[in-house]
Amino acid sequence: MSMINKVPASAGAEWLLGGFALLRRAPAALGMLAVLWGLASTLLMALASTTGVTVLLYAAQFLLILAGPLFFGAMIWAAREVDQGRPALPAHLLQPIRDGHGPALLATLLPQVLASFALGLLLLVMIGPDQLKHLGEVWVQMQAVAAEGGQPDPALVKDLPAGRLLLWMLLVAVTFVGIKWMTFIAAPQILFTGTDAVTAMRNSLRACAHNWTAMLVFYLLAGIAIFAITFGSLLLVAMLQLVAGPVIAVLLWQLVLLAVLTPVLAGAMYTAWRQMLTPAGAPTSTAASSTTHIEV
């Protein structure tokens, strides 16, 4: 049984700073894990593209989607290794599979799959098949006009059910937040406490909802940090294009972003898990004991 800790809003900033701190302690080791994943993904997609078979391309994309939770779980495992003074190793990329946590991590994809199906069905029910077809036609026309550099005609959207579409988009936004909260600290629970996927996602959702102010601060600061790092690294692309050409420059830029952002986010989630959830039987610090707990 776990205890959900009440943390202040400023904890959201601490999570992000914790991710950067872990990256500073082992930048090469943690960055190399992300680069290896990026290179493997790029190689897989390149091999699928060279075959010219569309089915293989879709199959490669599907495999990468399935491997996503396993890779991120491996990054969280490596973040804990660095936090506890041990080195992050390439072998950690397979740690979730070796420990038998692969199925539970893959199960964290189920809410996204079910939500996508439910939202698609809801859109069909809310606006009807005829309006849905009309919406697709309007979207194609607007893209064609934009590609030619023109301005879309407002009359194109005049007959669309704007109110129902806005309501559906609001439901999409709420569902997206719910899914993100369900998986925010689910992986550390699965990896380090052996919690099953359903319980881990339920605990994650309740912890994030109980600490929604900290989550708001974290997402705000993380968004700013991601934008700043991405925008700043565009200078690297400009310089690399002069030396290696645009294709190699973009590839290296993507790998650099992956090597920085992935360890930071994994470290932030690991730090958030340590603060928001106290596993049963775990020693509690003086600071943690003074926080409010909710038993789940």
Protein backbone atom coordinates (compact mmCIF):
# COMPACT_ATOMS: atom_id res chain seq x y z
CA MET A 1 0.00 0.00 0.00
CA SER A 2 1.32 3.44 -0.89
CA MET A 3 0.82 6.85 0.68
CA ILE A 4 0.06 9.86 -1.49
CA ASN A 5 1.94 12.87 -0.19
CA LYS A 6 0.65 16.41 -0.43
CA VAL A 7 3.40 18.62 -1.88
CA PRO A 8 3.47 22.40 -2.44
CA ALA A 9 3.10 23.96 -5.87
CA SER A 10 6.83 24.72 -5.88
CA ALA A 11 7.51 20.98 -5.99
CA GLY A 12 6.76 21.10 -9.72
CA ALA A 13 9.85 23.26 -10.16
CA GLU A 14 11.86 20.90 -7.93
CA TRP A 15 10.99 17.95 -10.16
CA LEU A 16 12.30 19.70 -13.25
CA LEU A 17 15.42 20.90 -11.44
CA GLY A 18 15.93 17.36 -10.17
CA GLY A 19 15.89 16.09 -13.76
CA PHE A 20 18.53 18.63 -14.79
CA ALA A 21 20.61 17.81 -11.70
CA LEU A 22 20.67 14.10 -12.56
CA LEU A 23 21.67 14.91 -16.14
CA ARG A 24 24.54 17.10 -14.88
CA ARG A 25 25.81 14.22 -12.74
CA ALA A 26 26.09 11.86 -15.72
CA PRO A 27 25.54 13.79 -18.96
CA ALA A 28 27.49 11.42 -21.21
CA ALA A 29 26.04 8.19 -19.81
CA LEU A 30 22.40 9.30 -19.71
CA GLY A 31 22.66 11.14 -23.01
CA MET A 32 24.21 8.09 -24.69
CA LEU A 33 21.23 5.92 -23.72
CA ALA A 34 18.88 8.38 -25.44
CA VAL A 35 21.16 8.60 -28.48
CA LEU A 36 21.29 4.82 -28.81
CA TRP A 37 17.50 4.70 -28.78
CA GLY A 38 17.34 7.50 -31.35
CA LEU A 39 19.81 5.80 -33.66
CA ALA A 40 18.01 2.45 -33.37
CA SER A 41 14.66 4.10 -34.14
CA THR A 42 16.10 5.98 -37.11
CA LEU A 43 17.74 2.85 -38.47
CA LEU A 44 14.52 0.86 -38.15
CA MET A 45 12.49 3.50 -39.99
CA ALA A 46 15.17 3.84 -42.66
CA LEU A 47 15.23 0.09 -43.30
CA ALA A 48 11.43 0.00 -43.49
CA SER A 49 11.40 2.94 -45.92
CA THR A 50 13.99 1.42 -48.24
CA THR A 51 11.79 -1.63 -48.81
CA GLY A 52 9.09 0.54 -50.34
CA VAL A 53 6.43 -1.61 -48.62
CA THR A 54 3.87 0.55 -46.83
CA VAL A 55 2.86 -2.26 -44.50
CA LEU A 56 6.42 -2.60 -43.22
CA LEU A 57 6.61 1.15 -42.63
CA TYR A 58 3.43 1.05 -40.55
CA ALA A 59 4.70 -2.04 -38.74
CA ALA A 60 7.94 -0.23 -37.84
CA GLN A 61 5.99 2.75 -36.51
CA PHE A 62 3.79 0.39 -34.47
CA LEU A 63 6.86 -1.31 -32.98
CA LEU A 64 8.33 2.05 -31.97
CA ILE A 65 5.06 3.00 -30.28
CA LEU A 66 5.11 -0.26 -28.33
CA ALA A 67 8.77 0.20 -27.43
CA GLY A 68 8.21 3.76 -26.17
CA PRO A 69 7.12 2.84 -22.60
CA LEU A 70 9.93 0.27 -22.36
CA PHE A 71 12.53 2.83 -23.39
CA PHE A 72 11.24 5.50 -21.03
CA GLY A 73 11.09 2.97 -18.23
CA ALA A 74 14.74 2.17 -18.93
CA MET A 75 15.60 5.89 -18.73
CA ILE A 76 13.84 6.17 -15.37
CA TRP A 77 15.77 3.13 -14.15
CA ALA A 78 19.03 4.73 -15.28
CA ALA A 79 18.06 7.98 -13.53
CA ARG A 80 17.68 6.10 -10.24
CA GLU A 81 21.05 4.40 -10.77
CA VAL A 82 22.70 7.81 -11.15
CA ASP A 83 20.79 9.16 -8.14
CA GLN A 84 22.10 6.30 -6.00
CA GLY A 85 25.69 6.80 -7.14
CA ARG A 86 25.88 4.01 -9.70
CA PRO A 87 26.68 4.43 -13.40
CA ALA A 88 24.06 4.43 -16.14
CA LEU A 89 24.93 1.68 -18.62
CA PRO A 90 23.68 0.78 -22.12
CA ALA A 91 22.53 -2.54 -20.67
CA HIS A 92 19.89 -0.61 -18.71
CA LEU A 93 17.94 -0.16 -21.95
CA LEU A 94 16.86 -3.79 -21.54
CA GLN A 95 16.38 -3.66 -17.76
CA PRO A 96 12.54 -3.50 -17.79
CA ILE A 97 12.42 -6.59 -20.01
CA ARG A 98 14.97 -8.51 -17.93
CA ASP A 99 13.01 -7.78 -14.75
CA GLY A 100 9.75 -8.90 -16.31
CA HIS A 101 8.12 -5.46 -16.15
CA GLY A 102 7.63 -5.19 -19.92
CA PRO A 103 3.95 -6.29 -19.98
CA ALA A 104 3.00 -3.89 -17.18
CA LEU A 105 4.74 -0.97 -18.90
CA LEU A 106 3.06 -1.84 -22.20
CA ALA A 107 -0.29 -1.87 -20.40
CA THR A 108 0.13 1.87 -19.74
CA LEU A 109 -0.64 2.35 -23.44
CA LEU A 110 -4.16 0.96 -23.01
CA PRO A 111 -5.74 4.23 -21.76
CA GLN A 112 -4.50 6.01 -24.88
CA VAL A 113 -5.87 3.31 -27.17
CA LEU A 114 -9.24 3.16 -25.42
CA ALA A 115 -9.51 6.96 -25.25
CA SER A 116 -8.72 7.33 -28.96
CA PHE A 117 -11.40 4.81 -29.86
CA ALA A 118 -13.96 6.35 -27.50
CA LEU A 119 -13.29 9.92 -28.65
CA GLY A 120 -13.52 8.91 -32.30
CA LEU A 121 -16.85 7.19 -31.66
CA LEU A 122 -18.07 10.18 -29.66
CA LEU A 123 -17.19 12.55 -32.52
CA LEU A 124 -19.18 10.41 -34.89
CA VAL A 125 -22.18 10.41 -32.56
CA MET A 126 -21.99 14.14 -31.80
CA ILE A 127 -21.82 15.49 -35.35
CA GLY A 128 -23.01 12.56 -37.46
CA PRO A 129 -21.39 10.81 -40.44
CA ASP A 130 -22.51 13.44 -42.99
CA GLN A 131 -21.05 16.33 -41.05
CA LEU A 132 -17.91 14.31 -40.38
CA LYS A 133 -17.48 13.75 -44.11
CA HIS A 134 -18.09 17.46 -44.72
CA LEU A 135 -15.51 18.32 -42.07
CA GLY A 136 -12.94 16.17 -43.86
CA GLU A 137 -13.68 17.87 -47.17
CA VAL A 138 -13.35 21.33 -45.60
CA TRP A 139 -10.04 20.33 -44.02
CA VAL A 140 -8.66 19.17 -47.37
CA GLN A 141 -9.80 22.38 -49.07
CA MET A 142 -8.24 24.56 -46.36
CA GLN A 143 -4.95 22.69 -46.63
CA ALA A 144 -4.94 23.14 -50.41
CA VAL A 145 -5.60 26.88 -50.07
CA ALA A 146 -2.89 27.25 -47.43
CA ALA A 147 -0.39 25.35 -49.60
CA GLU A 148 -1.00 27.86 -52.39
CA GLY A 149 -0.40 30.76 -50.01
CA GLY A 150 -4.01 31.96 -50.03
CA GLN A 151 -6.47 32.76 -47.26
CA PRO A 152 -9.20 30.18 -46.49
CA ASP A 153 -12.73 31.32 -47.28
CA PRO A 154 -14.74 31.76 -44.01
CA ALA A 155 -17.75 30.37 -45.87
CA LEU A 156 -16.08 26.93 -45.77
CA VAL A 157 -16.69 26.59 -42.04
CA LYS A 158 -20.02 28.42 -41.91
CA ASP A 159 -22.11 25.24 -41.96
CA LEU A 160 -19.98 23.26 -39.53
CA PRO A 161 -21.39 22.47 -36.05
CA ALA A 162 -18.90 24.73 -34.26
CA GLY A 163 -20.43 24.36 -30.81
CA ARG A 164 -20.37 20.57 -30.83
CA LEU A 165 -16.83 20.56 -32.26
CA LEU A 166 -15.62 22.90 -29.52
CA LEU A 167 -17.27 20.70 -26.89
CA TRP A 168 -15.59 17.63 -28.37
CA MET A 169 -12.21 19.41 -28.40
CA LEU A 170 -12.70 20.32 -24.74
CA LEU A 171 -13.38 16.66 -23.95
CA VAL A 172 -10.23 15.72 -25.87
CA ALA A 173 -8.18 18.19 -23.80
CA VAL A 174 -9.58 16.89 -20.51
CA THR A 175 -9.00 13.28 -21.58
CA PHE A 176 -5.43 14.10 -22.64
CA VAL A 177 -4.66 15.58 -19.22
CA GLY A 178 -6.23 12.58 -17.49
CA ILE A 179 -4.15 10.12 -19.49
CA LYS A 180 -0.95 12.07 -18.84
CA TRP A 181 -1.69 12.07 -15.12
CA MET A 182 -2.44 8.34 -15.17
CA THR A 183 1.01 7.58 -16.58
CA PHE A 184 3.09 10.40 -15.02
CA ILE A 185 4.54 8.34 -12.16
CA ALA A 186 3.16 4.92 -13.07
CA ALA A 187 6.45 3.63 -14.51
CA PRO A 188 8.55 4.16 -11.34
CA GLN A 189 5.93 2.29 -9.30
CA ILE A 190 6.01 -0.63 -11.73
CA LEU A 191 9.80 -0.71 -11.93
CA PHE A 192 10.77 -0.14 -8.30
CA THR A 193 7.84 -1.52 -6.26
CA GLY A 194 6.41 -4.19 -8.57
CA THR A 195 2.99 -2.55 -8.59
CA ASP A 196 0.61 -3.84 -11.25
CA ALA A 197 -0.23 -1.49 -14.12
CA VAL A 198 -3.84 -0.74 -13.11
CA THR A 199 -2.93 0.11 -9.52
CA ALA A 200 0.08 2.16 -10.63
CA MET A 201 -2.01 4.23 -13.04
CA ARG A 202 -4.73 4.73 -10.43
CA ASN A 203 -2.16 5.89 -7.87
CA SER A 204 -0.55 8.18 -10.44
CA LEU A 205 -3.88 9.78 -11.35
CA ARG A 206 -4.85 10.33 -7.71
CA ALA A 207 -1.43 11.70 -6.80
CA CYS A 208 -1.42 14.15 -9.72
CA ALA A 209 -5.01 15.23 -9.05
CA HIS A 210 -4.23 15.76 -5.36
CA ASN A 211 -1.16 17.82 -6.32
CA TRP A 212 -2.64 19.58 -9.34
CA THR A 213 -0.94 22.89 -8.50
CA ALA A 214 2.50 21.24 -8.59
CA MET A 215 1.57 19.55 -11.85
CA LEU A 216 0.54 22.90 -13.33
CA VAL A 217 3.85 24.47 -12.32
CA PHE A 218 5.79 21.52 -13.70
CA TYR A 219 4.06 21.53 -17.09
CA LEU A 220 4.44 25.31 -17.38
CA LEU A 221 8.16 25.28 -16.58
CA ALA A 222 8.80 22.13 -18.63
CA GLY A 223 7.11 23.74 -21.64
CA ILE A 224 9.26 26.85 -21.27
CA ALA A 225 12.41 24.76 -20.89
CA ILE A 226 11.62 22.58 -23.90
CA PHE A 227 10.89 25.66 -26.03
CA ALA A 228 14.10 27.39 -24.92
CA ILE A 229 16.28 24.32 -25.52
CA THR A 230 14.66 23.62 -28.89
CA PHE A 231 14.90 27.22 -30.06
CA GLY A 232 18.45 27.60 -28.81
CA SER A 233 19.58 24.40 -30.48
CA LEU A 234 18.39 25.70 -33.85
CA LEU A 235 21.65 27.66 -33.90
CA LEU A 236 23.42 24.30 -33.87
CA VAL A 237 21.43 23.22 -36.92
CA ALA A 238 22.38 26.40 -38.79
CA MET A 239 26.07 25.80 -38.16
CA LEU A 240 25.94 22.09 -38.90
CA GLN A 241 24.19 22.70 -42.23
CA LEU A 242 27.24 24.57 -43.44
CA VAL A 243 29.48 21.62 -42.66
CA ALA A 244 27.45 18.43 -42.99
CA GLY A 245 24.41 19.39 -45.05
CA PRO A 246 20.76 19.72 -44.03
CA VAL A 247 19.93 16.01 -43.63
CA ILE A 248 22.83 15.19 -41.30
CA ALA A 249 22.34 18.50 -39.46
CA VAL A 250 18.68 17.77 -38.71
CA LEU A 251 19.50 14.21 -37.60
CA LEU A 252 22.23 15.41 -35.23
CA TRP A 253 19.93 18.14 -33.93
CA GLN A 254 17.24 15.59 -33.12
CA LEU A 255 19.74 13.34 -31.36
CA VAL A 256 21.04 16.25 -29.27
CA LEU A 257 17.50 17.17 -28.24
CA LEU A 258 16.82 13.55 -27.37
CA ALA A 259 20.03 13.33 -25.34
CA VAL A 260 19.05 16.36 -23.28
CA LEU A 261 15.28 16.31 -22.95
CA THR A 262 14.70 12.59 -22.40
CA PRO A 263 17.01 12.22 -19.35
CA VAL A 264 15.64 15.45 -17.88
CA LEU A 265 12.01 14.34 -18.18
CA ALA A 266 12.81 10.83 -16.92
CA GLY A 267 14.68 12.29 -13.96
CA ALA A 268 11.82 14.69 -13.26
CA MET A 269 9.29 11.84 -13.19
CA TYR A 270 11.55 9.83 -10.90
CA THR A 271 11.88 12.82 -8.57
CA ALA A 272 8.12 13.41 -8.64
CA TRP A 273 7.50 9.76 -7.76
CA ARG A 274 9.83 10.00 -4.77
CA GLN A 275 8.03 13.07 -3.49
CA MET A 276 4.40 12.19 -4.19
CA LEU A 277 4.35 8.48 -3.37
CA THR A 278 5.85 6.75 -0.37
CA PRO A 279 5.91 2.96 -0.84
CA ALA A 280 4.63 0.91 2.09
CA GLY A 281 7.40 0.16 4.56
CA ALA A 282 9.77 2.73 3.11
CA PRO A 283 11.65 4.96 5.55
CA THR A 284 10.18 8.44 5.73
CA SER A 285 12.34 11.51 6.22
CA THR A 286 11.50 14.23 8.71
CA ALA A 287 10.39 16.52 5.92
CA ALA A 288 8.18 13.88 4.39
CA SER A 289 6.61 12.93 7.69
CA SER A 290 5.33 16.47 8.13
CA THR A 291 3.40 16.36 4.87
CA THR A 292 -0.21 15.37 4.56
CA HIS A 293 -0.84 11.80 3.41
CA ILE A 294 -3.80 10.15 1.76
CA GLU A 295 -3.94 6.38 1.98
CA VAL A 296 -4.77 4.51 -1.24
